[in-house]
C-alpha cells in the first residue's frame, strides 16, 4: 500500500523519527496519567481482537523503560485477552487521551503473572499482563474526537461499588453458571435475580 500511495519514503522517515524500542520519559508520563487502554491480542484462530481496559488513572504501570504491567480485573469469565496472550504473547496497546487529544501505540510480548506478592500491589487485580516493549510510537491525533471526562466508573478498584458483583451476573438465565464466589456474595446480599428484559431496560437507561 505504501508503494500504491507513494508514501514509502514518508513511512521510512517516520519510523526513524518516531518509533523507539524503549519508553521515553514523555511516554511514561503519558501512560501514568491514563485511565484506559485498548488491548489487542490474537486468538487461536488467528483473529485479532481488541478489548477496552479501564481503571483509575495510572492503573497501567511503567515498571521500567521497557516493561509495563496491566492489571486484569474481574470480567465476564471468558478471559479472552489473558487467554490469547497465554497462547500468543504478541500484543498491542493503544493509549488515547480524548481531552488533549493525544495517543500512543505500543507493541510487545506479554506474560501472565498470578504471584500473590506481585498482585498485592495491584488492588482488585486477578492477574497481571506484564508487557515487554518491542516498539512504541506516538500517532498523529488529527482524527481523534475531543471528549470531556465526566467521572470514574464506580466499579473501578477503590471506588464505592468496586466490591459489588457485576449486575449482569445476577441475570436469572446465567446466575447458576457464575463462579461460586460470586453466587455466594449475591446470596449473602439477598439480591434477587433479574430477568433479561429488566437488565436490558436498565442498560437503555444508562444504568450499570
Protein backbone atom coordinates (compact mmCIF):
# COMPACT_ATOMS: atom_id res chain seq x y z
CA UNK A 1 0.00 0.00 0.00
CA UNK A 2 2.89 2.37 0.64
CA UNK A 3 4.03 1.90 -2.94
CA UNK A 4 0.49 2.31 -4.26
CA UNK A 5 0.03 5.64 -2.47
CA UNK A 6 3.63 6.88 -2.85
CA UNK A 7 4.19 7.00 0.92
CA UNK A 8 7.16 4.64 1.28
CA UNK A 9 9.67 7.47 1.78
CA UNK A 10 7.45 9.16 4.35
CA UNK A 11 6.82 5.90 6.22
CA UNK A 12 10.53 5.16 6.41
CA UNK A 13 11.27 8.65 7.69
CA UNK A 14 8.56 8.47 10.33
CA UNK A 15 9.81 5.11 11.55
CA UNK A 16 13.27 6.58 12.06
CA UNK A 17 11.93 9.70 13.77
CA UNK A 18 9.06 8.39 15.90
CA UNK A 19 9.49 4.69 16.69
CA UNK A 20 11.51 3.79 19.77
CA UNK A 21 12.39 0.45 21.35
CA UNK A 22 12.00 1.82 24.87
CA UNK A 23 9.56 4.12 26.65
CA UNK A 24 10.76 7.71 26.73
CA UNK A 25 10.12 9.92 29.77
CA UNK A 26 7.24 11.54 27.83
CA UNK A 27 5.75 8.12 27.05
CA UNK A 28 5.98 7.10 30.70
CA UNK A 29 4.36 10.29 31.96
CA UNK A 30 1.53 9.92 29.45
CA UNK A 31 0.84 6.30 30.44
CA UNK A 32 0.87 7.20 34.14
CA UNK A 33 -1.92 9.72 33.54
CA UNK A 34 -4.25 7.42 31.58
CA UNK A 35 -7.31 5.63 32.92
CA UNK A 36 -7.93 3.36 29.94
CA UNK A 37 -6.15 1.43 27.21
CA UNK A 38 -7.21 -0.62 24.21
CA UNK A 39 -5.51 -4.02 24.26
CA UNK A 40 -5.21 -6.12 21.10
CA UNK A 41 -4.45 -9.84 21.11
CA UNK A 42 -4.73 -12.70 18.61
CA UNK A 43 -6.95 -15.71 19.26
CA UNK A 44 -6.37 -19.40 18.49
CA UNK A 45 -7.97 -18.98 15.05
CA UNK A 46 -5.67 -16.13 14.09
CA UNK A 47 -8.33 -13.47 14.50
CA UNK A 48 -7.22 -10.22 16.13
CA UNK A 49 -9.43 -8.93 18.91
CA UNK A 50 -9.42 -5.63 20.77
CA UNK A 51 -10.58 -5.06 24.35
CA UNK A 52 -11.14 -1.89 26.33
CA UNK A 53 -9.42 -1.93 29.72
CA UNK A 54 -10.23 0.73 32.29
CA UNK A 55 -9.10 1.63 35.78
CA UNK A 56 -8.01 4.53 37.94
CA UNK A 57 -5.52 6.95 36.35
CA UNK A 58 -2.15 5.21 36.26
CA UNK A 59 -3.60 1.70 36.59
CA UNK A 60 -1.20 0.58 33.85
CA UNK A 61 2.21 0.89 35.49
CA UNK A 62 5.58 1.51 33.93
CA UNK A 63 7.97 -0.87 35.68
CA UNK A 64 10.98 0.36 33.71
CA UNK A 65 11.65 1.90 30.32
CA UNK A 66 10.86 -1.34 28.51
CA UNK A 67 8.26 -3.00 30.74
CA UNK A 68 4.60 -2.33 31.55
CA UNK A 69 2.19 -4.06 33.94
CA UNK A 70 -1.51 -4.14 33.07
CA UNK A 71 -3.86 -5.45 35.78
CA UNK A 72 -6.75 -7.70 34.75
CA UNK A 73 -9.88 -7.17 36.84
CA UNK A 74 -13.00 -9.29 37.29
CA UNK A 75 -14.84 -9.62 33.98
CA UNK A 76 -17.15 -11.93 32.08
CA UNK A 77 -15.13 -15.07 32.79
CA UNK A 78 -14.12 -15.63 29.18
CA UNK A 79 -10.57 -14.32 29.72
CA UNK A 80 -10.24 -13.53 26.03
CA UNK A 81 -7.28 -11.17 26.34
CA UNK A 82 -5.45 -13.17 29.00
CA UNK A 83 -6.15 -16.49 27.30
CA UNK A 84 -4.99 -15.18 23.95
CA UNK A 85 -1.83 -13.71 25.46
CA UNK A 86 -1.06 -17.00 27.19
CA UNK A 87 -1.03 -18.75 23.81
CA UNK A 88 0.36 -15.92 21.67
CA UNK A 89 2.42 -13.39 23.61
CA UNK A 90 2.33 -10.67 20.95
CA UNK A 91 0.08 -7.79 21.99
CA UNK A 92 -0.67 -4.22 21.03
CA UNK A 93 -1.70 -1.37 23.32
CA UNK A 94 -3.29 1.91 22.28
CA UNK A 95 -3.50 4.72 24.83
CA UNK A 96 -5.73 7.66 23.87
CA UNK A 97 -6.32 10.90 25.76
CA UNK A 98 -9.58 12.20 24.29
CA UNK A 99 -9.35 15.52 26.13
CA UNK A 100 -5.98 16.65 24.74
CA UNK A 101 -6.11 14.79 22.28
CA UNK A 102 -3.04 12.53 22.15
CA UNK A 103 -2.31 8.86 21.51
CA UNK A 104 0.47 6.32 21.96
CA UNK A 105 0.88 2.88 20.40
CA UNK A 106 2.92 0.05 21.90
CA UNK A 107 3.78 -3.39 20.55
CA UNK A 108 5.24 -6.01 22.84
CA UNK A 109 5.25 -9.50 24.30
CA UNK A 110 3.12 -10.31 27.32
CA UNK A 111 3.46 -12.85 30.10
CA UNK A 112 0.83 -13.60 32.71
CA UNK A 113 1.63 -13.15 36.40
CA UNK A 114 -0.51 -14.60 39.20
CA UNK A 115 2.02 -14.35 42.03
CA UNK A 116 0.25 -13.18 45.19
CA UNK A 117 3.09 -10.90 46.25
CA UNK A 118 3.01 -9.02 42.96
CA UNK A 119 -0.79 -8.95 42.79
CA UNK A 120 -0.90 -7.41 46.27
CA UNK A 121 0.45 -4.16 44.85
CA UNK A 122 -2.40 -4.02 42.31
CA UNK A 123 -5.64 -3.89 44.36
CA UNK A 124 -8.53 -5.72 42.69
CA UNK A 125 -6.38 -7.48 40.07
CA UNK A 126 -6.90 -11.18 39.37
CA UNK A 127 -3.72 -11.36 37.32
CA UNK A 128 -1.22 -9.13 35.55
CA UNK A 129 -0.16 -8.87 31.95
CA UNK A 130 3.48 -7.86 32.10
CA UNK A 131 4.44 -6.49 28.70
CA UNK A 132 7.98 -6.32 27.37
CA UNK A 133 8.04 -3.38 24.96
CA UNK A 134 9.20 -4.09 21.43
CA UNK A 135 8.38 -0.67 19.99
CA UNK A 136 6.47 2.46 20.93
CA UNK A 137 5.39 5.43 18.88
CA UNK A 138 3.13 8.47 19.07
CA UNK A 139 0.44 8.81 16.40
CA UNK A 140 -0.97 11.99 14.90
CA UNK A 141 -4.17 12.96 16.80
CA UNK A 142 -5.74 14.64 13.77
CA UNK A 143 -8.85 12.43 13.69
CA UNK A 144 -9.22 11.88 17.43
CA UNK A 145 -12.50 13.45 18.51
CA UNK A 146 -12.29 15.59 21.63
CA UNK A 147 -14.34 14.41 24.59
CA UNK A 148 -14.66 15.59 28.18
CA UNK A 149 -14.15 13.12 31.02
CA UNK A 150 -17.14 13.16 33.38
CA UNK A 151 -16.42 10.67 36.16
CA UNK A 152 -14.69 7.43 37.07
CA UNK A 153 -16.64 4.18 36.84
CA UNK A 154 -17.93 3.28 40.33
CA UNK A 155 -16.74 -0.31 39.78
CA UNK A 156 -13.05 0.57 39.43
CA UNK A 157 -10.95 -0.75 42.35
CA UNK A 158 -11.01 1.82 45.12
CA UNK A 159 -14.41 3.24 44.12
CA UNK A 160 -17.67 2.83 46.04
CA UNK A 161 -19.06 -0.14 44.07
CA UNK A 162 -15.76 -1.90 43.45
CA UNK A 163 -16.62 -4.94 45.57
CA UNK A 164 -20.08 -5.47 44.10
CA UNK A 165 -20.76 -8.41 41.84
CA UNK A 166 -21.29 -7.18 38.28
CA UNK A 167 -25.06 -6.58 37.87
CA UNK A 168 -25.30 -8.73 34.71
CA UNK A 169 -24.11 -11.74 36.72
CA UNK A 170 -27.44 -11.56 38.54
CA UNK A 171 -29.42 -12.39 35.39
CA UNK A 172 -31.74 -15.30 36.12
CA UNK A 173 -30.64 -17.10 32.94
CA UNK A 174 -26.97 -17.24 33.93
CA UNK A 175 -26.88 -16.90 37.71
CA UNK A 176 -26.43 -20.65 38.17
CA UNK A 177 -23.35 -20.59 35.92
CA UNK A 178 -21.37 -17.82 37.58
CA UNK A 179 -18.39 -18.63 39.83
CA UNK A 180 -19.33 -19.96 43.25
CA UNK A 181 -17.67 -16.97 44.94
CA UNK A 182 -19.96 -14.56 43.08
CA UNK A 183 -23.09 -16.64 43.68
CA UNK A 184 -22.32 -16.74 47.38
CA UNK A 185 -21.90 -12.95 47.53
CA UNK A 186 -25.22 -12.39 45.77
CA UNK A 187 -26.95 -14.77 48.18
CA UNK A 188 -25.36 -13.09 51.21
CA UNK A 189 -26.52 -9.71 49.93
CA UNK A 190 -30.04 -11.05 49.41
CA UNK A 191 -30.02 -9.83 45.83
CA UNK A 192 -32.99 -11.08 43.84
CA UNK A 193 -32.31 -12.30 40.29
CA UNK A 194 -33.31 -10.03 37.40
CA UNK A 195 -34.77 -11.01 34.06
CA UNK A 196 -33.11 -10.35 30.73
CA UNK A 197 -35.82 -7.78 29.94
CA UNK A 198 -35.25 -5.93 33.21
CA UNK A 199 -31.50 -5.84 32.66
CA UNK A 200 -31.76 -4.60 29.06
CA UNK A 201 -34.15 -1.86 30.21
CA UNK A 202 -31.55 -0.72 32.75
CA UNK A 203 -28.88 -0.59 30.05
CA UNK A 204 -31.12 1.55 27.85
CA UNK A 205 -31.50 3.97 30.77
CA UNK A 206 -27.72 4.16 31.09
CA UNK A 207 -27.61 2.21 34.36
CA UNK A 208 -24.81 -0.24 35.16
